[in-house]
Every structure is written in C-alpha cells, then in structure tokens.
Amino acid sequence: MGEKEESLLRKLRMVIILFVVFWIIAVLFWQLKGKIFFLLNFGYIGTAIAIGVGAYELLPRKKKPAGRRLAQFLVGIYLLGFLGLIKHENMQIEGFFFYLLGGFFAASVIHYLIAKVFLPFLFGRGWCGWACWTAMVLDYLPYKRNKQGRLSSKWEKLRYAHFGVSLALILVLWFYYGYRPEHTSKTELMWLITGNALYFVCGIILAFALKDNRAFCKYLCPITAILKMSSRFALYKIEGDKDKCKVGLKYASIPCCR
C-alpha cells in the first residue's frame, strides 16, 4: 500500500468506524424488534453522518465546514422533517419524557437513548456539531467565531435550569393534570413546532446579543445537560494542548484546552 493510500485510509478511518457502528446498531434493533424501520432508520443516519464526515476529511481546509453542514442537513431533514413534521413524532426533549412515562418505545426515545446517552461514550458531543438541526440553522448566523470568549461558568447553569423546567412541566402535566398526549397525533406535532420555534428564537436572540452563533448551545440548550455527563468518558474527543492554549486572536487557529 502506497503513502497516498495509507493517508487516505487514515483520513477515512472515522468514516468507516461511524458507518460500521450505526449499521451494527441498525441490524441489532431490526433483529431484536423484527421491524425493518430500525434497519432503515439507523442505516440512513449512519450513512448520512459518514458522508458528511467523509466530505469534511477530503475537502480543502477552507471548504471543510461544508461537510459538517451536509451531515447536519441530511440528518435534520430526516429526524425533524420526516419523523417530526410528517410522521408527527415529538423529537423534542419533552416528547422523550412523555414517551418514557407512557412506555412508548417511540422514535424520540430511541433517538435520545442512542444519540444522546450511549453514543457520546464513544464520540463525545458529536451530535452537536454533526447532526443537530438547531445548530445547523444557528451556524448560518454571522458570528461564526466568538471573539469575546465564554461567559462566566455560572451562566452555563441555565441549561440545567432549562432541563429541570422541561422535566417538571411534563411531570406536572402527567401526574397532576392527568394529561396523556396521543402518540403521533397533531398535538404531538404542535409540541414539536412550538418547542423548535422557542429554541430558534432564543438561539437567534442570544447569538446577536453575545455575538456568538453557538451561545444557545453553550448556555441554554437542555440537551447538553445529558451530553456533558456521558461525553466526559468519550473514546474519541477533541482535546487541546495545554502548552499551546493561549489567550488572544494570535492563537485562534490552535485548539484550546476546554
């Protein structure tokens, strides 16, 4: 094997790993549940992410973000567009809580358990950069590089508050008011649309206020409350070099140790 082939194989190593992991999950769920949906569901998601990561690895440096956005788009149109808007699955965290309480092995339950609980042990917070449809939209705002730095860590507690409020709302509706949303109903669709609208509005406001496209992700997104715990032990994750972690735009191209 020549140097070019070895270099290409190194670049595509993660692509192959992602593709294989998702298709293994796809086949396992298909065989365990006896439904072809699981094969197509996880197979599509794994293939979509692998295509995006592959494009990222092969494109020139300045065009690499296009690969990540491609993965976000392919996953987003399936999870939000098809499962959410067309099939009326509530893919928001509130839908996850509702379906868990109701004992439904629904799409959002599978999605949260796989993408946001178990896979982060392997790939860290890969969901945020490569598959989140909220981040996909926010990435098109004008503040791609945050020049002001992160806010004090106390502001990050807002995401835990957001998570707690969402969970408390569902528990009160379920146990106190006896509210039972019908699976894949128009009510679930309204939960999905309303939740996403609030995320986008908050995300856009925070982005312009703090001049940071990902301000919502850093301070207010409730999903990071889950991801932050499991991604600490990730097998694959980005780590900075403490000796190169400096303050100032001079070192902006060097990964910082966070």
C-alpha atoms as a PDB file:
ATOM      1  CA  MET A   1       0.000   0.000   0.000  1.00  0.00           C
ATOM      2  CA  GLY A   2       1.433   3.367  -1.059  1.00  0.00           C
ATOM      3  CA  GLU A   3       1.685   6.544   1.023  1.00  0.00           C
ATOM      4  CA  LYS A   4      -1.335   8.111  -0.691  1.00  0.00           C
ATOM      5  CA  GLU A   5      -3.488   5.083   0.035  1.00  0.00           C
ATOM      6  CA  GLU A   6      -2.343   4.998   3.680  1.00  0.00           C
ATOM      7  CA  SER A   7      -3.023   8.728   4.056  1.00  0.00           C
ATOM      8  CA  LEU A   8      -6.497   8.308   2.551  1.00  0.00           C
ATOM      9  CA  LEU A   9      -7.230   5.369   4.843  1.00  0.00           C
ATOM     10  CA  ARG A  10      -6.198   7.402   7.906  1.00  0.00           C
ATOM     11  CA  LYS A  11      -8.472  10.229   6.836  1.00  0.00           C
ATOM     12  CA  LEU A  12     -11.407   7.895   6.322  1.00  0.00           C
ATOM     13  CA  ARG A  13     -10.854   5.827   9.487  1.00  0.00           C
ATOM     14  CA  MET A  14     -13.544   7.690  11.442  1.00  0.00           C
ATOM     15  CA  VAL A  15     -15.911   7.471   8.471  1.00  0.00           C
ATOM     16  CA  ILE A  16     -15.573   3.696   8.448  1.00  0.00           C
ATOM     17  CA  ILE A  17     -15.993   3.455  12.242  1.00  0.00           C
ATOM     18  CA  LEU A  18     -19.167   5.592  12.205  1.00  0.00           C
ATOM     19  CA  PHE A  19     -20.631   3.697   9.268  1.00  0.00           C
ATOM     20  CA  VAL A  20     -19.977   0.289  10.844  1.00  0.00           C
ATOM     21  CA  VAL A  21     -21.213   1.285  14.340  1.00  0.00           C
ATOM     22  CA  PHE A  22     -24.519   2.653  13.049  1.00  0.00           C
ATOM     23  CA  TRP A  23     -25.164  -0.313  10.764  1.00  0.00           C
ATOM     24  CA  ILE A  24     -24.417  -2.735  13.605  1.00  0.00           C
ATOM     25  CA  ILE A  25     -26.995  -0.876  15.705  1.00  0.00           C
ATOM     26  CA  ALA A  26     -29.393  -0.944  12.748  1.00  0.00           C
ATOM     27  CA  VAL A  27     -29.125  -4.712  12.281  1.00  0.00           C
ATOM     28  CA  LEU A  28     -29.340  -5.431  16.033  1.00  0.00           C
ATOM     29  CA  PHE A  29     -32.529  -3.398  16.506  1.00  0.00           C
ATOM     30  CA  TRP A  30     -34.032  -4.860  13.319  1.00  0.00           C
ATOM     31  CA  GLN A  31     -33.420  -8.404  14.545  1.00  0.00           C
ATOM     32  CA  LEU A  32     -34.494  -7.709  18.138  1.00  0.00           C
ATOM     33  CA  LYS A  33     -37.687  -5.809  17.277  1.00  0.00           C
ATOM     34  CA  GLY A  34     -38.491  -7.510  13.976  1.00  0.00           C
ATOM     35  CA  LYS A  35     -39.238  -4.198  12.227  1.00  0.00           C
ATOM     36  CA  ILE A  36     -37.491  -3.044   9.057  1.00  0.00           C
ATOM     37  CA  PHE A  37     -37.891   0.575  10.252  1.00  0.00           C
ATOM     38  CA  PHE A  38     -34.923   0.203  12.610  1.00  0.00           C
ATOM     39  CA  LEU A  39     -32.655  -1.050   9.833  1.00  0.00           C
ATOM     40  CA  LEU A  40     -33.598   1.865   7.583  1.00  0.00           C
ATOM     41  CA  ASN A  41     -33.591   4.419  10.419  1.00  0.00           C
ATOM     42  CA  PHE A  42     -30.125   3.782  11.842  1.00  0.00           C
ATOM     43  CA  GLY A  43     -28.722   2.793   8.470  1.00  0.00           C
ATOM     44  CA  TYR A  44     -29.755   6.116   6.954  1.00  0.00           C
ATOM     45  CA  ILE A  45     -28.461   8.194   9.892  1.00  0.00           C
ATOM     46  CA  GLY A  46     -25.119   6.379   9.947  1.00  0.00           C
ATOM     47  CA  THR A  47     -24.705   6.696   6.188  1.00  0.00           C
ATOM     48  CA  ALA A  48     -25.641  10.403   6.267  1.00  0.00           C
ATOM     49  CA  ILE A  49     -23.122  11.200   9.012  1.00  0.00           C
ATOM     50  CA  ALA A  50     -20.434   9.103   7.313  1.00  0.00           C
ATOM     51  CA  ILE A  51     -20.962  11.007   4.054  1.00  0.00           C
ATOM     52  CA  GLY A  52     -20.626  14.335   5.872  1.00  0.00           C
ATOM     53  CA  VAL A  53     -17.523  13.281   7.804  1.00  0.00           C
ATOM     54  CA  GLY A  54     -16.017  11.849   4.621  1.00  0.00           C
ATOM     55  CA  ALA A  55     -16.608  15.119   2.778  1.00  0.00           C
ATOM     56  CA  TYR A  56     -15.074  17.029   5.702  1.00  0.00           C
ATOM     57  CA  GLU A  57     -11.929  14.891   5.598  1.00  0.00           C
ATOM     58  CA  LEU A  58     -11.485  15.078   1.820  1.00  0.00           C
ATOM     59  CA  LEU A  59     -12.371  18.722   1.158  1.00  0.00           C
ATOM     60  CA  PRO A  60      -9.762  21.503   1.267  1.00  0.00           C
ATOM     61  CA  ARG A  61      -9.378  23.211   4.648  1.00  0.00           C
ATOM     62  CA  LYS A  62     -11.453  26.279   3.841  1.00  0.00           C
ATOM     63  CA  LYS A  63     -14.305  24.154   2.495  1.00  0.00           C
ATOM     64  CA  LYS A  64     -14.352  21.566   5.283  1.00  0.00           C
ATOM     65  CA  PRO A  65     -17.341  23.165   7.114  1.00  0.00           C
ATOM     66  CA  ALA A  66     -19.452  22.212   4.087  1.00  0.00           C
ATOM     67  CA  GLY A  67     -19.005  18.538   5.028  1.00  0.00           C
ATOM     68  CA  ARG A  68     -20.276  19.127   8.549  1.00  0.00           C
ATOM     69  CA  ARG A  69     -23.245  21.130   7.301  1.00  0.00           C
ATOM     70  CA  LEU A  70     -24.048  18.385   4.810  1.00  0.00           C
ATOM     71  CA  ALA A  71     -24.254  15.861   7.661  1.00  0.00           C
ATOM     72  CA  GLN A  72     -26.433  18.229   9.710  1.00  0.00           C
ATOM     73  CA  PHE A  73     -28.761  18.747   6.743  1.00  0.00           C
ATOM     74  CA  LEU A  74     -29.109  15.060   5.870  1.00  0.00           C
ATOM     75  CA  VAL A  75     -29.817  14.078   9.478  1.00  0.00           C
ATOM     76  CA  GLY A  76     -32.018  17.115  10.140  1.00  0.00           C
ATOM     77  CA  ILE A  77     -34.364  16.595   7.186  1.00  0.00           C
ATOM     78  CA  TYR A  78     -34.904  13.016   8.348  1.00  0.00           C
ATOM     79  CA  LEU A  79     -35.319  13.483  12.108  1.00  0.00           C
ATOM     80  CA  LEU A  80     -37.098  16.828  12.083  1.00  0.00           C
ATOM     81  CA  GLY A  81     -38.610  16.802   8.604  1.00  0.00           C
ATOM     82  CA  PHE A  82     -39.715  13.194   8.133  1.00  0.00           C
ATOM     83  CA  LEU A  83     -40.115  11.739  11.643  1.00  0.00           C
ATOM     84  CA  GLY A  84     -41.191  15.052  13.183  1.00  0.00           C
ATOM     85  CA  LEU A  85     -43.220  17.117  10.750  1.00  0.00           C
ATOM     86  CA  ILE A  86     -44.518  14.298   8.539  1.00  0.00           C
ATOM     87  CA  LYS A  87     -44.874  11.375  10.976  1.00  0.00           C
ATOM     88  CA  HIS A  88     -45.785  13.639  13.967  1.00  0.00           C
ATOM     89  CA  GLU A  89     -43.150  12.260  16.337  1.00  0.00           C
ATOM     90  CA  ASN A  90     -42.281  14.774  19.050  1.00  0.00           C
ATOM     91  CA  MET A  91     -38.482  14.775  18.751  1.00  0.00           C
ATOM     92  CA  GLN A  92     -38.035  17.430  21.439  1.00  0.00           C
ATOM     93  CA  ILE A  93     -36.868  16.503  24.932  1.00  0.00           C
ATOM     94  CA  GLU A  94     -40.453  16.893  26.198  1.00  0.00           C
ATOM     95  CA  GLY A  95     -41.514  14.167  23.765  1.00  0.00           C
ATOM     96  CA  PHE A  96     -38.781  11.943  25.166  1.00  0.00           C
ATOM     97  CA  PHE A  97     -40.130  12.476  28.700  1.00  0.00           C
ATOM     98  CA  PHE A  98     -43.757  11.893  27.634  1.00  0.00           C
ATOM     99  CA  TYR A  99     -42.963   8.681  25.753  1.00  0.00           C
ATOM    100  CA  LEU A 100     -40.869   7.329  28.612  1.00  0.00           C
ATOM    101  CA  LEU A 101     -43.709   7.901  31.066  1.00  0.00           C
ATOM    102  CA  GLY A 102     -46.185   6.339  28.666  1.00  0.00           C
ATOM    103  CA  GLY A 103     -43.992   3.303  27.988  1.00  0.00           C
ATOM    104  CA  PHE A 104     -43.761   4.006  24.247  1.00  0.00           C
ATOM    105  CA  PHE A 105     -40.625   2.768  22.500  1.00  0.00           C
ATOM    106  CA  ALA A 106     -41.034   5.728  20.142  1.00  0.00           C
ATOM    107  CA  ALA A 107     -38.618   7.399  17.745  1.00  0.00           C
ATOM    108  CA  SER A 108     -37.601  10.133  20.172  1.00  0.00           C
ATOM    109  CA  VAL A 109     -36.909   7.590  22.949  1.00  0.00           C
ATOM    110  CA  ILE A 110     -34.636   5.597  20.645  1.00  0.00           C
ATOM    111  CA  HIS A 111     -33.051   8.804  19.384  1.00  0.00           C
ATOM    112  CA  TYR A 112     -32.253  10.165  22.846  1.00  0.00           C
ATOM    113  CA  LEU A 113     -31.025   6.891  24.293  1.00  0.00           C
ATOM    114  CA  ILE A 114     -28.734   6.150  21.340  1.00  0.00           C
ATOM    115  CA  ALA A 115     -27.578   9.598  20.168  1.00  0.00           C
ATOM    116  CA  LYS A 116     -27.527  11.479  23.459  1.00  0.00           C
ATOM    117  CA  VAL A 117     -26.903   8.885  26.167  1.00  0.00           C
ATOM    118  CA  PHE A 118     -24.914   5.926  24.818  1.00  0.00           C
ATOM    119  CA  LEU A 119     -23.074   7.082  21.669  1.00  0.00           C
ATOM    120  CA  PRO A 120     -21.466  10.071  23.485  1.00  0.00           C
ATOM    121  CA  PHE A 121     -19.432   7.465  25.391  1.00  0.00           C
ATOM    122  CA  LEU A 122     -17.825   6.731  22.012  1.00  0.00           C
ATOM    123  CA  PHE A 123     -17.942  10.002  20.075  1.00  0.00           C
ATOM    124  CA  GLY A 124     -18.399  12.677  22.731  1.00  0.00           C
ATOM    125  CA  ARG A 125     -20.615  15.599  21.770  1.00  0.00           C
ATOM    126  CA  GLY A 126     -20.534  14.717  18.094  1.00  0.00           C
ATOM    127  CA  TRP A 127     -24.303  15.197  17.952  1.00  0.00           C
ATOM    128  CA  CYS A 128     -23.947  18.950  18.499  1.00  0.00           C
ATOM    129  CA  GLY A 129     -21.585  19.544  15.599  1.00  0.00           C
ATOM    130  CA  TRP A 130     -22.690  16.926  13.101  1.00  0.00           C
ATOM    131  CA  ALA A 131     -26.389  16.170  13.490  1.00  0.00           C
ATOM    132  CA  CYS A 132     -28.257  18.874  15.449  1.00  0.00           C
ATOM    133  CA  TRP A 133     -30.786  20.732  13.311  1.00  0.00           C
ATOM    134  CA  THR A 134     -30.885  23.684  15.718  1.00  0.00           C
ATOM    135  CA  ALA A 135     -27.117  24.155  15.412  1.00  0.00           C
ATOM    136  CA  MET A 136     -27.444  23.742  11.638  1.00  0.00           C
ATOM    137  CA  VAL A 137     -29.618  26.863  11.444  1.00  0.00           C
ATOM    138  CA  LEU A 138     -27.620  28.861  14.004  1.00  0.00           C
ATOM    139  CA  ASP A 139     -24.378  28.176  12.120  1.00  0.00           C
ATOM    140  CA  TYR A 140     -25.647  30.386   9.277  1.00  0.00           C
ATOM    141  CA  LEU A 141     -25.770  33.456  11.532  1.00  0.00           C
ATOM    142  CA  PRO A 142     -22.916  35.990  11.147  1.00  0.00           C
ATOM    143  CA  TYR A 143     -20.942  35.274  14.352  1.00  0.00           C
ATOM    144  CA  LYS A 144     -19.009  32.137  13.424  1.00  0.00           C
ATOM    145  CA  ARG A 145     -16.062  32.971  15.666  1.00  0.00           C
ATOM    146  CA  ASN A 146     -16.693  34.207  19.184  1.00  0.00           C
ATOM    147  CA  LYS A 147     -14.117  36.940  19.761  1.00  0.00           C
ATOM    148  CA  GLN A 148     -15.343  37.859  23.236  1.00  0.00           C
ATOM    149  CA  GLY A 149     -14.767  34.495  24.906  1.00  0.00           C
ATOM    150  CA  ARG A 150     -17.198  32.457  27.008  1.00  0.00           C
ATOM    151  CA  LEU A 151     -19.292  33.984  29.743  1.00  0.00           C
ATOM    152  CA  SER A 152     -18.728  33.049  33.355  1.00  0.00           C
ATOM    153  CA  SER A 153     -19.395  29.386  34.059  1.00  0.00           C
ATOM    154  CA  LYS A 154     -22.365  30.338  36.241  1.00  0.00           C
ATOM    155  CA  TRP A 155     -24.316  31.156  33.060  1.00  0.00           C
ATOM    156  CA  GLU A 156     -23.912  27.552  31.949  1.00  0.00           C
ATOM    157  CA  LYS A 157     -26.201  26.579  34.826  1.00  0.00           C
ATOM    158  CA  LEU A 158     -29.082  27.921  32.734  1.00  0.00           C
ATOM    159  CA  ARG A 159     -29.042  24.744  30.667  1.00  0.00           C
ATOM    160  CA  TYR A 160     -29.621  22.669  33.804  1.00  0.00           C
ATOM    161  CA  ALA A 161     -32.445  25.021  34.784  1.00  0.00           C
ATOM    162  CA  HIS A 162     -33.935  24.596  31.295  1.00  0.00           C
ATOM    163  CA  PHE A 163     -33.673  20.819  31.610  1.00  0.00           C
ATOM    164  CA  GLY A 164     -35.312  20.944  35.054  1.00  0.00           C
ATOM    165  CA  VAL A 165     -38.161  23.184  33.897  1.00  0.00           C
ATOM    166  CA  SER A 166     -38.903  20.913  30.918  1.00  0.00           C
ATOM    167  CA  LEU A 167     -38.932  17.814  33.113  1.00  0.00           C
ATOM    168  CA  ALA A 168     -41.031  19.498  35.821  1.00  0.00           C
ATOM    169  CA  LEU A 169     -43.571  20.686  33.229  1.00  0.00           C
ATOM    170  CA  ILE A 170     -44.046  17.154  31.904  1.00  0.00           C
ATOM    171  CA  LEU A 171     -44.290  15.626  35.381  1.00  0.00           C
ATOM    172  CA  VAL A 172     -46.913  18.164  36.476  1.00  0.00           C
ATOM    173  CA  LEU A 173     -48.974  17.648  33.320  1.00  0.00           C
ATOM    174  CA  TRP A 174     -48.708  13.875  33.612  1.00  0.00           C
ATOM    175  CA  PHE A 175     -49.280  13.273  37.316  1.00  0.00           C
ATOM    176  CA  TYR A 176     -51.280  16.303  38.464  1.00  0.00           C
ATOM    177  CA  TYR A 177     -53.470  17.060  35.448  1.00  0.00           C
ATOM    178  CA  GLY A 178     -53.569  13.536  34.021  1.00  0.00           C
ATOM    179  CA  TYR A 179     -52.502  14.796  30.586  1.00  0.00           C
ATOM    180  CA  ARG A 180     -51.814  11.989  28.097  1.00  0.00           C
ATOM    181  CA  PRO A 181     -50.738  13.086  24.599  1.00  0.00           C
ATOM    182  CA  GLU A 182     -51.702  10.687  21.842  1.00  0.00           C
ATOM    183  CA  HIS A 183     -48.685   9.213  20.099  1.00  0.00           C
ATOM    184  CA  THR A 184     -48.059  10.646  16.579  1.00  0.00           C
ATOM    185  CA  SER A 185     -51.064  12.969  16.879  1.00  0.00           C
ATOM    186  CA  LYS A 186     -51.474  16.605  15.819  1.00  0.00           C
ATOM    187  CA  THR A 187     -50.982  17.522  19.485  1.00  0.00           C
ATOM    188  CA  GLU A 188     -47.508  16.000  19.353  1.00  0.00           C
ATOM    189  CA  LEU A 189     -46.841  17.947  16.173  1.00  0.00           C
ATOM    190  CA  MET A 190     -47.744  21.182  17.965  1.00  0.00           C
ATOM    191  CA  TRP A 191     -45.376  20.300  20.825  1.00  0.00           C
ATOM    192  CA  LEU A 192     -42.635  19.779  18.247  1.00  0.00           C
ATOM    193  CA  ILE A 193     -43.289  23.007  16.342  1.00  0.00           C
ATOM    194  CA  THR A 194     -43.637  25.115  19.482  1.00  0.00           C
ATOM    195  CA  GLY A 195     -40.505  23.684  21.089  1.00  0.00           C
ATOM    196  CA  ASN A 196     -38.390  24.185  17.977  1.00  0.00           C
ATOM    197  CA  ALA A 197     -39.726  27.700  17.474  1.00  0.00           C
ATOM    198  CA  LEU A 198     -38.710  28.636  21.023  1.00  0.00           C
ATOM    199  CA  TYR A 199     -35.252  27.120  20.506  1.00  0.00           C
ATOM    200  CA  PHE A 200     -34.711  29.056  17.275  1.00  0.00           C
ATOM    201  CA  VAL A 201     -35.963  32.350  18.723  1.00  0.00           C
ATOM    202  CA  CYS A 202     -33.807  32.025  21.848  1.00  0.00           C
ATOM    203  CA  GLY A 203     -30.831  30.876  19.792  1.00  0.00           C
ATOM    204  CA  ILE A 204     -31.026  33.810  17.379  1.00  0.00           C
ATOM    205  CA  ILE A 205     -31.513  36.370  20.159  1.00  0.00           C
ATOM    206  CA  LEU A 206     -28.558  35.001  22.140  1.00  0.00           C
ATOM    207  CA  ALA A 207     -26.376  34.840  19.030  1.00  0.00           C
ATOM    208  CA  PHE A 208     -26.865  38.522  18.244  1.00  0.00           C
ATOM    209  CA  ALA A 209     -26.718  39.613  21.889  1.00  0.00           C
ATOM    210  CA  LEU A 210     -23.451  37.774  22.610  1.00  0.00           C
ATOM    211  CA  LYS A 211     -22.079  37.812  19.039  1.00  0.00           C
ATOM    212  CA  ASP A 212     -21.741  34.037  19.161  1.00  0.00           C
ATOM    213  CA  ASN A 213     -23.682  31.659  16.903  1.00  0.00           C
ATOM    214  CA  ARG A 214     -23.443  28.851  19.458  1.00  0.00           C
ATOM    215  CA  ALA A 215     -24.416  30.861  22.548  1.00  0.00           C
ATOM    216  CA  PHE A 216     -27.670  28.895  22.873  1.00  0.00           C
ATOM    217  CA  CYS A 217     -25.726  25.622  22.742  1.00  0.00           C
ATOM    218  CA  LYS A 218     -23.284  26.782  25.432  1.00  0.00           C
ATOM    219  CA  TYR A 219     -25.692  28.305  27.931  1.00  0.00           C
ATOM    220  CA  LEU A 220     -29.311  27.298  27.358  1.00  0.00           C
ATOM    221  CA  CYS A 221     -29.656  24.014  25.467  1.00  0.00           C
ATOM    222  CA  PRO A 222     -31.062  21.339  27.848  1.00  0.00           C
ATOM    223  CA  ILE A 223     -29.583  18.501  25.797  1.00  0.00           C
ATOM    224  CA  THR A 224     -26.066  19.456  26.867  1.00  0.00           C
ATOM    225  CA  ALA A 225     -27.060  18.626  30.453  1.00  0.00           C
ATOM    226  CA  ILE A 226     -27.216  14.987  29.298  1.00  0.00           C
ATOM    227  CA  LEU A 227     -24.299  15.094  26.873  1.00  0.00           C
ATOM    228  CA  LYS A 228     -21.941  16.745  29.345  1.00  0.00           C
ATOM    229  CA  MET A 229     -22.110  13.724  31.669  1.00  0.00           C
ATOM    230  CA  SER A 230     -21.559  10.914  29.169  1.00  0.00           C
ATOM    231  CA  SER A 231     -19.149  12.756  26.847  1.00  0.00           C
ATOM    232  CA  ARG A 232     -16.620  13.143  29.675  1.00  0.00           C
ATOM    233  CA  PHE A 233     -15.721   9.485  29.139  1.00  0.00           C
ATOM    234  CA  ALA A 234     -15.746   9.576  25.329  1.00  0.00           C
ATOM    235  CA  LEU A 235     -13.355   7.293  23.474  1.00  0.00           C
ATOM    236  CA  TYR A 236     -12.965   9.817  20.646  1.00  0.00           C
ATOM    237  CA  LYS A 237     -12.929  13.522  21.504  1.00  0.00           C
ATOM    238  CA  ILE A 238     -11.124  16.742  20.702  1.00  0.00           C
ATOM    239  CA  GLU A 239      -8.541  17.732  23.262  1.00  0.00           C
ATOM    240  CA  GLY A 240      -6.377  20.821  23.285  1.00  0.00           C
ATOM    241  CA  ASP A 241      -2.686  21.189  24.002  1.00  0.00           C
ATOM    242  CA  LYS A 242      -2.268  22.956  27.337  1.00  0.00           C
ATOM    243  CA  ASP A 243       1.100  24.328  26.272  1.00  0.00           C
ATOM    244  CA  LYS A 244      -0.475  25.981  23.226  1.00  0.00           C
ATOM    245  CA  CYS A 245      -3.642  27.203  24.900  1.00  0.00           C
ATOM    246  CA  LYS A 246      -3.230  30.977  24.810  1.00  0.00           C
ATOM    247  CA  VAL A 247      -5.486  33.992  25.015  1.00  0.00           C
ATOM    248  CA  GLY A 248      -5.839  36.242  22.004  1.00  0.00           C
ATOM    249  CA  LEU A 249      -6.592  36.108  18.294  1.00  0.00           C
ATOM    250  CA  LYS A 250      -2.953  35.290  17.570  1.00  0.00           C
ATOM    251  CA  TYR A 251      -3.657  31.728  18.663  1.00  0.00           C
ATOM    252  CA  ALA A 252      -7.192  31.459  17.310  1.00  0.00           C
ATOM    253  CA  SER A 253      -6.294  28.599  14.971  1.00  0.00           C
ATOM    254  CA  ILE A 254      -4.923  26.424  17.803  1.00  0.00           C
ATOM    255  CA  PRO A 255      -7.424  24.162  19.657  1.00  0.00           C
ATOM    256  CA  CYS A 256      -7.776  25.491  23.191  1.00  0.00           C
ATOM    257  CA  CYS A 257      -7.887  23.238  26.231  1.00  0.00           C
ATOM    258  CA  ARG A 258     -11.522  23.312  27.354  1.00  0.00           C
END
